Amino acid sequence: MFGVEDFLPEQTADDTDLAWGDWRERDTDAFYLDNRPPHWG
């Protein structure tokens, strides 16, 4: 007999930290480099 665990994942893709916008990187400068103002070129 099959249970729910056999068909459903423990965590869905939209319930991850990345999907919620909470990403972590080792390099703390990456956040600032990715979010530079447009006039910085």
PDB file of N, CA and C in Angstrom:
ATOM      1  N   MET A   1       0.845  -1.187   0.000  1.00  0.00           N
ATOM      2  CA  MET A   1       0.000   0.000   0.000  1.00  0.00           C
ATOM      3  C   MET A   1       0.887   1.246   0.000  1.00  0.00           C
ATOM      4  N   PHE A   2       0.463   2.261  -0.721  1.00  0.00           N
ATOM      5  CA  PHE A   2       1.226   3.496  -0.823  1.00  0.00           C
ATOM      6  C   PHE A   2       0.683   4.528   0.148  1.00  0.00           C
ATOM      7  N   GLY A   3       1.585   5.344   0.665  1.00  0.00           N
ATOM      8  CA  GLY A   3       1.193   6.442   1.539  1.00  0.00           C
ATOM      9  C   GLY A   3       1.411   7.768   0.841  1.00  0.00           C
ATOM     10  N   VAL A   4       1.014   8.822   1.488  1.00  0.00           N
ATOM     11  CA  VAL A   4       1.169  10.167   0.919  1.00  0.00           C
ATOM     12  C   VAL A   4       2.644  10.472   0.691  1.00  0.00           C
ATOM     13  N   GLU A   5       3.520   9.973   1.545  1.00  0.00           N
ATOM     14  CA  GLU A   5       4.953  10.246   1.434  1.00  0.00           C
ATOM     15  C   GLU A   5       5.536   9.695   0.138  1.00  0.00           C
ATOM     16  N   ASP A   6       4.897   8.697  -0.439  1.00  0.00           N
ATOM     17  CA  ASP A   6       5.398   8.111  -1.670  1.00  0.00           C
ATOM     18  C   ASP A   6       5.130   8.989  -2.891  1.00  0.00           C
ATOM     19  N   PHE A   7       4.218   9.913  -2.808  1.00  0.00           N
ATOM     20  CA  PHE A   7       3.823  10.732  -3.956  1.00  0.00           C
ATOM     21  C   PHE A   7       4.168  12.208  -3.805  1.00  0.00           C
ATOM     22  N   LEU A   8       4.157  12.718  -2.614  1.00  0.00           N
ATOM     23  CA  LEU A   8       4.375  14.145  -2.399  1.00  0.00           C
ATOM     24  C   LEU A   8       5.770  14.403  -1.828  1.00  0.00           C
ATOM     25  N   PRO A   9       6.456  15.420  -2.336  1.00  0.00           N
ATOM     26  CA  PRO A   9       7.764  15.755  -1.774  1.00  0.00           C
ATOM     27  C   PRO A   9       7.599  16.365  -0.380  1.00  0.00           C
ATOM     28  N   GLU A  10       8.665  16.293   0.396  1.00  0.00           N
ATOM     29  CA  GLU A  10       8.622  16.858   1.734  1.00  0.00           C
ATOM     30  C   GLU A  10       8.534  18.387   1.693  1.00  0.00           C
ATOM     31  N   GLN A  11       9.182  18.992   0.687  1.00  0.00           N
ATOM     32  CA  GLN A  11       9.145  20.447   0.524  1.00  0.00           C
ATOM     33  C   GLN A  11       8.973  20.752  -0.959  1.00  0.00           C
ATOM     34  N   THR A  12       8.056  21.632  -1.281  1.00  0.00           N
ATOM     35  CA  THR A  12       7.837  21.999  -2.674  1.00  0.00           C
ATOM     36  C   THR A  12       8.811  23.094  -3.086  1.00  0.00           C
ATOM     37  N   ALA A  13       8.939  23.301  -4.386  1.00  0.00           N
ATOM     38  CA  ALA A  13       9.894  24.287  -4.906  1.00  0.00           C
ATOM     39  C   ALA A  13       9.528  25.712  -4.503  1.00  0.00           C
ATOM     40  N   ASP A  14       8.236  25.992  -4.345  1.00  0.00           N
ATOM     41  CA  ASP A  14       7.847  27.356  -3.986  1.00  0.00           C
ATOM     42  C   ASP A  14       7.883  27.597  -2.485  1.00  0.00           C
ATOM     43  N   ASP A  15       8.293  26.606  -1.709  1.00  0.00           N
ATOM     44  CA  ASP A  15       8.376  26.747  -0.258  1.00  0.00           C
ATOM     45  C   ASP A  15       9.830  26.718   0.209  1.00  0.00           C
ATOM     46  N   THR A  16      10.724  27.154  -0.644  1.00  0.00           N
ATOM     47  CA  THR A  16      12.135  27.195  -0.288  1.00  0.00           C
ATOM     48  C   THR A  16      12.533  28.634   0.048  1.00  0.00           C
ATOM     49  N   ASP A  17      13.698  28.785   0.647  1.00  0.00           N
ATOM     50  CA  ASP A  17      14.193  30.121   0.959  1.00  0.00           C
ATOM     51  C   ASP A  17      14.399  30.945  -0.310  1.00  0.00           C
ATOM     52  N   LEU A  18      14.875  30.299  -1.351  1.00  0.00           N
ATOM     53  CA  LEU A  18      15.103  31.007  -2.602  1.00  0.00           C
ATOM     54  C   LEU A  18      13.797  31.504  -3.215  1.00  0.00           C
ATOM     55  N   ALA A  19      12.759  30.707  -3.153  1.00  0.00           N
ATOM     56  CA  ALA A  19      11.466  31.112  -3.698  1.00  0.00           C
ATOM     57  C   ALA A  19      10.864  32.271  -2.915  1.00  0.00           C
ATOM     58  N   TRP A  20      11.135  32.333  -1.636  1.00  0.00           N
ATOM     59  CA  TRP A  20      10.629  33.420  -0.809  1.00  0.00           C
ATOM     60  C   TRP A  20      11.518  34.664  -0.889  1.00  0.00           C
ATOM     61  N   GLY A  21      12.615  34.567  -1.624  1.00  0.00           N
ATOM     62  CA  GLY A  21      13.504  35.715  -1.783  1.00  0.00           C
ATOM     63  C   GLY A  21      14.585  35.790  -0.728  1.00  0.00           C
ATOM     64  N   ASP A  22      14.723  34.773   0.082  1.00  0.00           N
ATOM     65  CA  ASP A  22      15.744  34.751   1.130  1.00  0.00           C
ATOM     66  C   ASP A  22      16.922  33.921   0.657  1.00  0.00           C
ATOM     67  N   TRP A  23      17.817  34.526  -0.090  1.00  0.00           N
ATOM     68  CA  TRP A  23      18.985  33.793  -0.544  1.00  0.00           C
ATOM     69  C   TRP A  23      20.184  34.266   0.247  1.00  0.00           C
ATOM     70  N   ARG A  24      21.064  33.384   0.476  1.00  0.00           N
ATOM     71  CA  ARG A  24      22.271  33.691   1.245  1.00  0.00           C
ATOM     72  C   ARG A  24      23.486  33.361   0.392  1.00  0.00           C
ATOM     73  N   GLU A  25      24.438  34.249   0.423  1.00  0.00           N
ATOM     74  CA  GLU A  25      25.687  34.011  -0.286  1.00  0.00           C
ATOM     75  C   GLU A  25      26.828  34.269   0.679  1.00  0.00           C
ATOM     76  N   ARG A  26      27.910  33.598   0.431  1.00  0.00           N
ATOM     77  CA  ARG A  26      29.084  33.785   1.293  1.00  0.00           C
ATOM     78  C   ARG A  26      29.679  35.172   1.118  1.00  0.00           C
ATOM     79  N   ASP A  27      29.641  35.659  -0.104  1.00  0.00           N
ATOM     80  CA  ASP A  27      30.197  36.971  -0.403  1.00  0.00           C
ATOM     81  C   ASP A  27      29.146  38.030  -0.097  1.00  0.00           C
ATOM     82  N   THR A  28      29.360  38.811   0.937  1.00  0.00           N
ATOM     83  CA  THR A  28      28.360  39.801   1.329  1.00  0.00           C
ATOM     84  C   THR A  28      28.289  40.959   0.346  1.00  0.00           C
ATOM     85  N   ASP A  29      29.305  41.154  -0.472  1.00  0.00           N
ATOM     86  CA  ASP A  29      29.299  42.236  -1.457  1.00  0.00           C
ATOM     87  C   ASP A  29      28.427  41.915  -2.662  1.00  0.00           C
ATOM     88  N   ALA A  30      28.100  40.639  -2.864  1.00  0.00           N
ATOM     89  CA  ALA A  30      27.309  40.246  -4.035  1.00  0.00           C
ATOM     90  C   ALA A  30      25.941  40.924  -4.020  1.00  0.00           C
ATOM     91  N   PHE A  31      25.358  41.095  -2.854  1.00  0.00           N
ATOM     92  CA  PHE A  31      24.058  41.756  -2.756  1.00  0.00           C
ATOM     93  C   PHE A  31      24.153  43.192  -3.267  1.00  0.00           C
ATOM     94  N   TYR A  32      25.191  43.902  -2.865  1.00  0.00           N
ATOM     95  CA  TYR A  32      25.333  45.297  -3.266  1.00  0.00           C
ATOM     96  C   TYR A  32      25.721  45.427  -4.741  1.00  0.00           C
ATOM     97  N   LEU A  33      26.503  44.503  -5.252  1.00  0.00           N
ATOM     98  CA  LEU A  33      26.875  44.546  -6.660  1.00  0.00           C
ATOM     99  C   LEU A  33      25.682  44.230  -7.561  1.00  0.00           C
ATOM    100  N   ASP A  34      24.814  43.333  -7.118  1.00  0.00           N
ATOM    101  CA  ASP A  34      23.620  42.992  -7.898  1.00  0.00           C
ATOM    102  C   ASP A  34      22.581  44.100  -7.867  1.00  0.00           C
ATOM    103  N   ASN A  35      22.571  44.906  -6.843  1.00  0.00           N
ATOM    104  CA  ASN A  35      21.542  45.926  -6.677  1.00  0.00           C
ATOM    105  C   ASN A  35      22.119  47.340  -6.815  1.00  0.00           C
ATOM    106  N   ARG A  36      23.038  47.505  -7.754  1.00  0.00           N
ATOM    107  CA  ARG A  36      23.612  48.825  -7.998  1.00  0.00           C
ATOM    108  C   ARG A  36      22.589  49.738  -8.649  1.00  0.00           C
ATOM    109  N   PRO A  37      22.647  51.013  -8.367  1.00  0.00           N
ATOM    110  CA  PRO A  37      21.751  51.958  -9.049  1.00  0.00           C
ATOM    111  C   PRO A  37      22.050  51.983 -10.549  1.00  0.00           C
ATOM    112  N   PRO A  38      21.044  52.289 -11.367  1.00  0.00           N
ATOM    113  CA  PRO A  38      21.223  52.285 -12.829  1.00  0.00           C
ATOM    114  C   PRO A  38      22.290  53.258 -13.314  1.00  0.00           C
ATOM    115  N   HIS A  39      22.465  54.361 -12.600  1.00  0.00           N
ATOM    116  CA  HIS A  39      23.432  55.350 -13.065  1.00  0.00           C
ATOM    117  C   HIS A  39      24.881  54.923 -12.823  1.00  0.00           C
ATOM    118  N   TRP A  40      25.093  53.789 -12.190  1.00  0.00           N
ATOM    119  CA  TRP A  40      26.444  53.278 -11.971  1.00  0.00           C
ATOM    120  C   TRP A  40      26.964  52.528 -13.186  1.00  0.00           C
ATOM    121  N   GLY A  41      26.129  52.302 -14.184  1.00  0.00           N
ATOM    122  CA  GLY A  41      26.549  51.699 -15.438  1.00  0.00           C
ATOM    123  C   GLY A  41      26.699  50.259 -15.435  1.00  0.00           C
TER     124      GLY A  41
END
